Amino acid sequence: MIPMSTCNKRSACRWRDRGAYIVAVFVVMALGLGSRAFADVLPVFVAEHFGDALWACMIYFGFRTCYAHKKISFSLWCSLAFCFAIEASQLYQADWINYFRGTTLGALVLGKGFLTADLVRYTAGASVAFLLDLAWPWRKSL
């Protein structure tokens, strides 16, 4: 562990930021998995749309974890590019990747089929995460 005397204030803030973003990743992950697991008791709109939007939120906060030192708009654009690339990859239908998509992990990471509506959901999710990031009170103390 690096002694705090050798770290400047900005470095300490970045590590605090990363910790908050890691927590956000896991909270959003739990919400997203919950939206899938309890889809039968949630309102139809929530069950149909929130899973993909929350996945994009999780990707956004993952990028913020890795790139806390960059502008938050960088993470917004990276998360959208990543989500759109994963969605576009669903147009590729080789046996080996379809086998992986047939597993729980593969379905969660790669999805199962291309839907244009998913692009809208990803945009909404990443945008909400971006706006939440802008509004968090602890950001103003940096």
N, C-alpha and C. Protein backbone atom coordinates (compact mmCIF):
# COMPACT_ATOMS: atom_id res chain seq x y z
N MET A 1 0.84 -1.18 0.00
CA MET A 1 0.00 0.00 0.00
C MET A 1 0.89 1.24 0.00
N ILE A 2 0.52 2.22 -0.80
CA ILE A 2 1.29 3.46 -0.90
C ILE A 2 0.90 4.38 0.25
N PRO A 3 1.89 4.87 1.00
CA PRO A 3 1.55 5.80 2.08
C PRO A 3 0.91 7.06 1.52
N MET A 4 -0.07 7.61 2.25
CA MET A 4 -0.77 8.80 1.79
C MET A 4 0.16 9.98 1.61
N SER A 5 1.28 10.02 2.34
CA SER A 5 2.19 11.15 2.21
C SER A 5 2.81 11.23 0.82
N THR A 6 2.87 10.08 0.10
CA THR A 6 3.45 10.09 -1.24
C THR A 6 2.40 10.32 -2.32
N CYS A 7 1.13 10.30 -1.94
CA CYS A 7 0.05 10.52 -2.90
C CYS A 7 -0.44 11.96 -2.79
N ASN A 8 -0.69 12.57 -3.91
CA ASN A 8 -1.26 13.90 -3.85
C ASN A 8 -2.77 13.80 -3.66
N LYS A 9 -3.40 14.92 -3.40
CA LYS A 9 -4.83 14.94 -3.14
C LYS A 9 -5.63 14.44 -4.33
N ARG A 10 -5.21 14.81 -5.54
CA ARG A 10 -5.93 14.39 -6.74
C ARG A 10 -5.91 12.87 -6.89
N SER A 11 -4.77 12.24 -6.61
CA SER A 11 -4.67 10.79 -6.69
C SER A 11 -5.61 10.13 -5.68
N ALA A 12 -5.66 10.66 -4.47
CA ALA A 12 -6.55 10.11 -3.44
C ALA A 12 -8.00 10.25 -3.87
N CYS A 13 -8.35 11.36 -4.49
CA CYS A 13 -9.72 11.56 -4.97
C CYS A 13 -10.07 10.57 -6.07
N ARG A 14 -9.10 10.29 -6.94
CA ARG A 14 -9.36 9.33 -8.01
C ARG A 14 -9.66 7.95 -7.44
N TRP A 15 -8.92 7.54 -6.42
CA TRP A 15 -9.17 6.23 -5.83
C TRP A 15 -10.52 6.21 -5.12
N ARG A 16 -10.89 7.33 -4.50
CA ARG A 16 -12.22 7.41 -3.88
C ARG A 16 -13.28 7.32 -4.96
N ASP A 17 -13.06 8.02 -6.08
CA ASP A 17 -13.99 7.97 -7.20
C ASP A 17 -14.15 6.53 -7.69
N ARG A 18 -13.02 5.86 -7.88
CA ARG A 18 -13.06 4.48 -8.38
C ARG A 18 -13.85 3.58 -7.45
N GLY A 19 -13.67 3.76 -6.17
CA GLY A 19 -14.43 2.96 -5.19
C GLY A 19 -15.92 3.19 -5.34
N ALA A 20 -16.32 4.45 -5.51
CA ALA A 20 -17.73 4.77 -5.68
C ALA A 20 -18.26 4.16 -6.99
N TYR A 21 -17.45 4.21 -8.04
CA TYR A 21 -17.89 3.64 -9.31
C TYR A 21 -17.99 2.12 -9.25
N ILE A 22 -17.10 1.47 -8.54
CA ILE A 22 -17.18 0.01 -8.38
C ILE A 22 -18.46 -0.36 -7.65
N VAL A 23 -18.78 0.40 -6.60
CA VAL A 23 -20.04 0.17 -5.88
C VAL A 23 -21.21 0.36 -6.84
N ALA A 24 -21.18 1.42 -7.65
CA ALA A 24 -22.25 1.68 -8.61
C ALA A 24 -22.39 0.52 -9.60
N VAL A 25 -21.27 -0.03 -10.07
CA VAL A 25 -21.33 -1.16 -10.99
C VAL A 25 -22.10 -2.32 -10.36
N PHE A 26 -21.77 -2.65 -9.11
CA PHE A 26 -22.42 -3.79 -8.47
C PHE A 26 -23.87 -3.52 -8.10
N VAL A 27 -24.19 -2.30 -7.71
CA VAL A 27 -25.59 -1.95 -7.42
C VAL A 27 -26.43 -2.06 -8.69
N VAL A 28 -25.93 -1.49 -9.77
CA VAL A 28 -26.66 -1.53 -11.04
C VAL A 28 -26.75 -2.97 -11.56
N MET A 29 -25.68 -3.74 -11.37
CA MET A 29 -25.70 -5.15 -11.78
C MET A 29 -26.81 -5.90 -11.04
N ALA A 30 -26.91 -5.67 -9.73
CA ALA A 30 -27.95 -6.33 -8.93
C ALA A 30 -29.35 -5.90 -9.39
N LEU A 31 -29.51 -4.62 -9.67
CA LEU A 31 -30.80 -4.13 -10.17
C LEU A 31 -31.14 -4.76 -11.51
N GLY A 32 -30.16 -4.84 -12.40
CA GLY A 32 -30.39 -5.43 -13.72
C GLY A 32 -30.75 -6.90 -13.65
N LEU A 33 -30.01 -7.65 -12.83
CA LEU A 33 -30.34 -9.07 -12.67
C LEU A 33 -31.71 -9.24 -12.03
N GLY A 34 -32.02 -8.35 -11.09
CA GLY A 34 -33.34 -8.37 -10.47
C GLY A 34 -34.45 -8.07 -11.46
N SER A 35 -34.19 -7.16 -12.39
CA SER A 35 -35.20 -6.84 -13.40
C SER A 35 -35.49 -8.03 -14.31
N ARG A 36 -34.51 -8.90 -14.47
CA ARG A 36 -34.72 -10.12 -15.26
C ARG A 36 -35.37 -11.23 -14.42
N ALA A 37 -34.89 -11.38 -13.20
CA ALA A 37 -35.38 -12.46 -12.34
C ALA A 37 -36.82 -12.25 -11.90
N PHE A 38 -37.21 -11.00 -11.71
CA PHE A 38 -38.56 -10.70 -11.20
C PHE A 38 -39.44 -10.03 -12.26
N ALA A 39 -39.16 -10.32 -13.52
CA ALA A 39 -39.89 -9.71 -14.62
C ALA A 39 -41.39 -9.97 -14.55
N ASP A 40 -41.76 -11.13 -13.99
CA ASP A 40 -43.18 -11.48 -13.94
C ASP A 40 -43.97 -10.65 -12.93
N VAL A 41 -43.31 -10.03 -11.97
CA VAL A 41 -44.02 -9.22 -10.97
C VAL A 41 -43.80 -7.71 -11.18
N LEU A 42 -42.96 -7.34 -12.12
CA LEU A 42 -42.70 -5.93 -12.41
C LEU A 42 -43.69 -5.44 -13.48
N PRO A 43 -43.91 -4.13 -13.53
CA PRO A 43 -44.72 -3.60 -14.63
C PRO A 43 -44.10 -3.99 -15.98
N VAL A 44 -44.94 -4.19 -16.97
CA VAL A 44 -44.48 -4.67 -18.27
C VAL A 44 -43.40 -3.77 -18.87
N PHE A 45 -43.58 -2.46 -18.78
CA PHE A 45 -42.60 -1.53 -19.34
C PHE A 45 -41.24 -1.71 -18.68
N VAL A 46 -41.23 -1.84 -17.37
CA VAL A 46 -39.99 -2.04 -16.62
C VAL A 46 -39.34 -3.36 -17.02
N ALA A 47 -40.14 -4.41 -17.05
CA ALA A 47 -39.61 -5.74 -17.38
C ALA A 47 -39.02 -5.79 -18.79
N GLU A 48 -39.62 -5.08 -19.72
CA GLU A 48 -39.17 -5.14 -21.11
C GLU A 48 -37.96 -4.25 -21.41
N HIS A 49 -37.84 -3.13 -20.70
CA HIS A 49 -36.85 -2.14 -21.10
C HIS A 49 -35.72 -1.90 -20.10
N PHE A 50 -35.95 -2.10 -18.83
CA PHE A 50 -34.96 -1.69 -17.84
C PHE A 50 -33.72 -2.56 -17.82
N GLY A 51 -33.82 -3.82 -18.16
CA GLY A 51 -32.65 -4.70 -18.15
C GLY A 51 -31.55 -4.20 -19.05
N ASP A 52 -31.90 -3.86 -20.29
CA ASP A 52 -30.90 -3.35 -21.24
C ASP A 52 -30.39 -1.98 -20.84
N ALA A 53 -31.28 -1.13 -20.34
CA ALA A 53 -30.85 0.21 -19.90
C ALA A 53 -29.90 0.10 -18.71
N LEU A 54 -30.20 -0.79 -17.79
CA LEU A 54 -29.32 -0.97 -16.62
C LEU A 54 -27.99 -1.59 -17.04
N TRP A 55 -28.00 -2.45 -18.04
CA TRP A 55 -26.75 -3.02 -18.55
C TRP A 55 -25.85 -1.89 -19.08
N ALA A 56 -26.44 -0.95 -19.81
CA ALA A 56 -25.67 0.18 -20.33
C ALA A 56 -25.17 1.07 -19.18
N CYS A 57 -25.99 1.23 -18.13
CA CYS A 57 -25.54 1.98 -16.93
C CYS A 57 -24.32 1.30 -16.32
N MET A 58 -24.38 -0.01 -16.20
CA MET A 58 -23.27 -0.76 -15.62
C MET A 58 -22.00 -0.59 -16.46
N ILE A 59 -22.15 -0.64 -17.77
CA ILE A 59 -21.00 -0.45 -18.66
C ILE A 59 -20.44 0.96 -18.49
N TYR A 60 -21.30 1.95 -18.39
CA TYR A 60 -20.85 3.33 -18.17
C TYR A 60 -20.02 3.41 -16.88
N PHE A 61 -20.56 2.89 -15.78
CA PHE A 61 -19.84 2.98 -14.51
C PHE A 61 -18.56 2.14 -14.54
N GLY A 62 -18.55 1.08 -15.32
CA GLY A 62 -17.32 0.32 -15.51
C GLY A 62 -16.24 1.14 -16.20
N PHE A 63 -16.64 1.87 -17.23
CA PHE A 63 -15.68 2.77 -17.89
C PHE A 63 -15.22 3.88 -16.96
N ARG A 64 -16.13 4.39 -16.13
CA ARG A 64 -15.73 5.43 -15.17
C ARG A 64 -14.74 4.86 -14.15
N THR A 65 -14.91 3.60 -13.78
CA THR A 65 -13.96 2.97 -12.86
C THR A 65 -12.57 2.95 -13.47
N CYS A 66 -12.49 2.59 -14.73
CA CYS A 66 -11.19 2.49 -15.41
C CYS A 66 -10.62 3.84 -15.80
N TYR A 67 -11.48 4.79 -16.11
CA TYR A 67 -11.03 6.08 -16.63
C TYR A 67 -11.54 7.24 -15.78
N ALA A 68 -11.36 7.13 -14.47
CA ALA A 68 -11.82 8.18 -13.55
C ALA A 68 -11.09 9.50 -13.79
N HIS A 69 -9.90 9.42 -14.36
CA HIS A 69 -9.10 10.63 -14.60
C HIS A 69 -9.53 11.38 -15.87
N LYS A 70 -10.37 10.76 -16.69
CA LYS A 70 -10.82 11.40 -17.94
C LYS A 70 -12.14 12.12 -17.71
N LYS A 71 -12.52 12.95 -18.67
CA LYS A 71 -13.81 13.62 -18.61
C LYS A 71 -14.92 12.57 -18.63
N ILE A 72 -16.03 12.88 -17.97
CA ILE A 72 -17.10 11.89 -17.92
C ILE A 72 -17.73 11.67 -19.29
N SER A 73 -17.64 12.64 -20.17
CA SER A 73 -18.18 12.44 -21.52
C SER A 73 -17.41 11.34 -22.26
N PHE A 74 -16.14 11.15 -21.93
CA PHE A 74 -15.35 10.07 -22.52
C PHE A 74 -16.00 8.72 -22.21
N SER A 75 -16.40 8.54 -20.95
CA SER A 75 -17.03 7.28 -20.55
C SER A 75 -18.40 7.11 -21.19
N LEU A 76 -19.12 8.21 -21.38
CA LEU A 76 -20.41 8.12 -22.05
C LEU A 76 -20.23 7.59 -23.47
N TRP A 77 -19.33 8.19 -24.23
CA TRP A 77 -19.13 7.77 -25.62
C TRP A 77 -18.54 6.37 -25.71
N CYS A 78 -17.63 6.04 -24.81
CA CYS A 78 -17.06 4.68 -24.81
C CYS A 78 -18.11 3.64 -24.48
N SER A 79 -18.95 3.92 -23.50
CA SER A 79 -19.98 2.95 -23.12
C SER A 79 -21.00 2.78 -24.25
N LEU A 80 -21.36 3.86 -24.91
CA LEU A 80 -22.28 3.73 -26.05
C LEU A 80 -21.64 2.94 -27.18
N ALA A 81 -20.39 3.22 -27.48
CA ALA A 81 -19.70 2.47 -28.55
C ALA A 81 -19.62 0.99 -28.19
N PHE A 82 -19.29 0.68 -26.94
CA PHE A 82 -19.20 -0.71 -26.49
C PHE A 82 -20.56 -1.40 -26.61
N CYS A 83 -21.60 -0.77 -26.09
CA CYS A 83 -22.94 -1.36 -26.14
C CYS A 83 -23.41 -1.58 -27.59
N PHE A 84 -23.17 -0.57 -28.43
CA PHE A 84 -23.58 -0.69 -29.82
C PHE A 84 -22.79 -1.79 -30.53
N ALA A 85 -21.50 -1.93 -30.20
CA ALA A 85 -20.68 -2.97 -30.81
C ALA A 85 -21.16 -4.36 -30.39
N ILE A 86 -21.51 -4.51 -29.12
CA ILE A 86 -22.05 -5.81 -28.66
C ILE A 86 -23.35 -6.11 -29.39
N GLU A 87 -24.20 -5.11 -29.53
CA GLU A 87 -25.47 -5.32 -30.23
C GLU A 87 -25.22 -5.69 -31.70
N ALA A 88 -24.29 -5.00 -32.34
CA ALA A 88 -23.97 -5.31 -33.74
C ALA A 88 -23.38 -6.71 -33.87
N SER A 89 -22.65 -7.16 -32.85
CA SER A 89 -22.06 -8.49 -32.90
C SER A 89 -23.13 -9.58 -32.94
N GLN A 90 -24.34 -9.24 -32.55
CA GLN A 90 -25.42 -10.23 -32.57
C GLN A 90 -25.88 -10.55 -33.99
N LEU A 91 -25.43 -9.76 -34.94
CA LEU A 91 -25.71 -10.07 -36.34
C LEU A 91 -24.84 -11.23 -36.84
N TYR A 92 -23.74 -11.49 -36.14
CA TYR A 92 -22.84 -12.60 -36.47
C TYR A 92 -23.42 -13.86 -35.83
N GLN A 93 -23.67 -14.89 -36.62
CA GLN A 93 -24.39 -16.06 -36.14
C GLN A 93 -23.65 -17.38 -36.38
N ALA A 94 -22.35 -17.41 -36.06
CA ALA A 94 -21.60 -18.67 -36.19
C ALA A 94 -22.01 -19.62 -35.06
N ASP A 95 -21.83 -20.91 -35.29
CA ASP A 95 -22.22 -21.92 -34.30
C ASP A 95 -21.53 -21.72 -32.96
N TRP A 96 -20.22 -21.45 -33.00
CA TRP A 96 -19.47 -21.36 -31.74
C TRP A 96 -19.95 -20.20 -30.88
N ILE A 97 -20.28 -19.06 -31.49
CA ILE A 97 -20.72 -17.92 -30.68
C ILE A 97 -22.17 -18.08 -30.27
N ASN A 98 -22.97 -18.74 -31.08
CA ASN A 98 -24.34 -19.03 -30.67
C ASN A 98 -24.38 -20.02 -29.51
N TYR A 99 -23.41 -20.95 -29.50
CA TYR A 99 -23.31 -21.87 -28.36
C TYR A 99 -23.01 -21.09 -27.08
N PHE A 100 -22.08 -20.14 -27.18
CA PHE A 100 -21.75 -19.31 -26.02
C PHE A 100 -22.94 -18.44 -25.61
N ARG A 101 -23.66 -17.88 -26.58
CA ARG A 101 -24.85 -17.09 -26.29
C ARG A 101 -25.93 -17.92 -25.62
N GLY A 102 -25.89 -19.22 -25.82
CA GLY A 102 -26.86 -20.12 -25.20
C GLY A 102 -26.61 -20.35 -23.72
N THR A 103 -25.45 -19.97 -23.23
CA THR A 103 -25.15 -20.08 -21.80
C THR A 103 -25.66 -18.83 -21.08
N THR A 104 -25.83 -18.93 -19.78
CA THR A 104 -26.31 -17.78 -19.01
C THR A 104 -25.35 -16.60 -19.13
N LEU A 105 -24.05 -16.86 -18.94
CA LEU A 105 -23.06 -15.79 -19.03
C LEU A 105 -23.03 -15.18 -20.44
N GLY A 106 -23.04 -16.04 -21.45
CA GLY A 106 -23.02 -15.57 -22.83
C GLY A 106 -24.24 -14.72 -23.16
N ALA A 107 -25.41 -15.12 -22.68
CA ALA A 107 -26.62 -14.34 -22.93
C ALA A 107 -26.57 -12.99 -22.22
N LEU A 108 -26.02 -12.97 -21.00
CA LEU A 108 -25.93 -11.71 -20.27
C LEU A 108 -24.93 -10.75 -20.90
N VAL A 109 -23.83 -11.27 -21.40
CA VAL A 109 -22.78 -10.42 -21.96
C VAL A 109 -23.05 -10.07 -23.42
N LEU A 110 -23.40 -11.05 -24.22
CA LEU A 110 -23.52 -10.84 -25.66
C LEU A 110 -24.96 -10.70 -26.17
N GLY A 111 -25.93 -11.03 -25.34
CA GLY A 111 -27.31 -10.99 -25.81
C GLY A 111 -27.59 -12.16 -26.73
N LYS A 112 -28.80 -12.15 -27.31
CA LYS A 112 -29.17 -13.28 -28.14
C LYS A 112 -29.51 -12.91 -29.57
N GLY A 113 -30.03 -11.74 -29.79
CA GLY A 113 -30.40 -11.35 -31.15
C GLY A 113 -30.43 -9.85 -31.29
N PHE A 114 -30.16 -9.38 -32.48
CA PHE A 114 -30.12 -7.94 -32.73
C PHE A 114 -31.52 -7.35 -32.68
N LEU A 115 -31.67 -6.28 -31.90
CA LEU A 115 -32.91 -5.51 -31.85
C LEU A 115 -32.56 -4.03 -31.91
N THR A 116 -33.14 -3.33 -32.84
CA THR A 116 -32.89 -1.89 -32.94
C THR A 116 -33.33 -1.18 -31.66
N ALA A 117 -34.40 -1.66 -31.04
CA ALA A 117 -34.90 -1.05 -29.80
C ALA A 117 -33.84 -1.09 -28.70
N ASP A 118 -32.98 -2.09 -28.73
CA ASP A 118 -31.91 -2.16 -27.71
C ASP A 118 -30.97 -0.96 -27.80
N LEU A 119 -30.74 -0.45 -28.99
CA LEU A 119 -29.88 0.72 -29.15
C LEU A 119 -30.47 1.93 -28.43
N VAL A 120 -31.78 2.06 -28.48
CA VAL A 120 -32.47 3.14 -27.77
C VAL A 120 -32.35 2.92 -26.26
N ARG A 121 -32.54 1.68 -25.83
CA ARG A 121 -32.43 1.37 -24.40
C ARG A 121 -31.02 1.63 -23.89
N TYR A 122 -30.02 1.25 -24.66
CA TYR A 122 -28.63 1.50 -24.25
C TYR A 122 -28.35 3.00 -24.16
N THR A 123 -28.85 3.75 -25.13
CA THR A 123 -28.65 5.19 -25.11
C THR A 123 -29.31 5.81 -23.88
N ALA A 124 -30.52 5.37 -23.58
CA ALA A 124 -31.22 5.89 -22.40
C ALA A 124 -30.46 5.52 -21.12
N GLY A 125 -30.03 4.27 -21.02
CA GLY A 125 -29.33 3.83 -19.81
C GLY A 125 -28.01 4.54 -19.59
N ALA A 126 -27.21 4.65 -20.63
CA ALA A 126 -25.91 5.33 -20.50
C ALA A 126 -26.12 6.81 -20.22
N SER A 127 -27.14 7.40 -20.82
CA SER A 127 -27.41 8.82 -20.58
C SER A 127 -27.87 9.07 -19.15
N VAL A 128 -28.70 8.19 -18.62
CA VAL A 128 -29.14 8.33 -17.23
C VAL A 128 -27.94 8.19 -16.29
N ALA A 129 -27.08 7.22 -16.55
CA ALA A 129 -25.89 7.05 -15.71
C ALA A 129 -25.01 8.30 -15.79
N PHE A 130 -24.84 8.84 -16.98
CA PHE A 130 -24.06 10.07 -17.17
C PHE A 130 -24.65 11.22 -16.37
N LEU A 131 -25.97 11.38 -16.42
CA LEU A 131 -26.63 12.46 -15.69
C LEU A 131 -26.55 12.25 -14.18
N LEU A 132 -26.68 11.00 -13.74
CA LEU A 132 -26.51 10.70 -12.31
C LEU A 132 -25.09 11.02 -11.87
N ASP A 133 -24.14 10.69 -12.71
CA ASP A 133 -22.74 10.98 -12.41
C ASP A 133 -22.52 12.49 -12.27
N LEU A 134 -23.11 13.26 -13.16
CA LEU A 134 -22.99 14.72 -13.08
C LEU A 134 -23.63 15.27 -11.80
N ALA A 135 -24.71 14.63 -11.36
CA ALA A 135 -25.49 15.16 -10.24
C ALA A 135 -25.01 14.69 -8.87
N TRP A 136 -24.14 13.68 -8.82
CA TRP A 136 -23.71 13.17 -7.52
C TRP A 136 -23.07 14.28 -6.70
N PRO A 137 -23.51 14.45 -5.45
CA PRO A 137 -22.98 15.54 -4.61
C PRO A 137 -21.48 15.43 -4.33
N TRP A 138 -20.95 14.22 -4.20
CA TRP A 138 -19.52 14.08 -3.87
C TRP A 138 -18.62 14.58 -4.98
N ARG A 139 -19.14 14.67 -6.20
CA ARG A 139 -18.33 15.17 -7.32
C ARG A 139 -18.01 16.65 -7.13
N LYS A 140 -18.93 17.38 -6.50
CA LYS A 140 -18.75 18.81 -6.34
C LYS A 140 -17.66 19.16 -5.32
N SER A 141 -17.31 18.20 -4.47
CA SER A 141 -16.30 18.46 -3.45
C SER A 141 -14.88 18.23 -3.96
N LEU A 142 -14.74 17.82 -5.21
CA LEU A 142 -13.41 17.51 -5.75
C LEU A 142 -12.65 18.75 -6.16
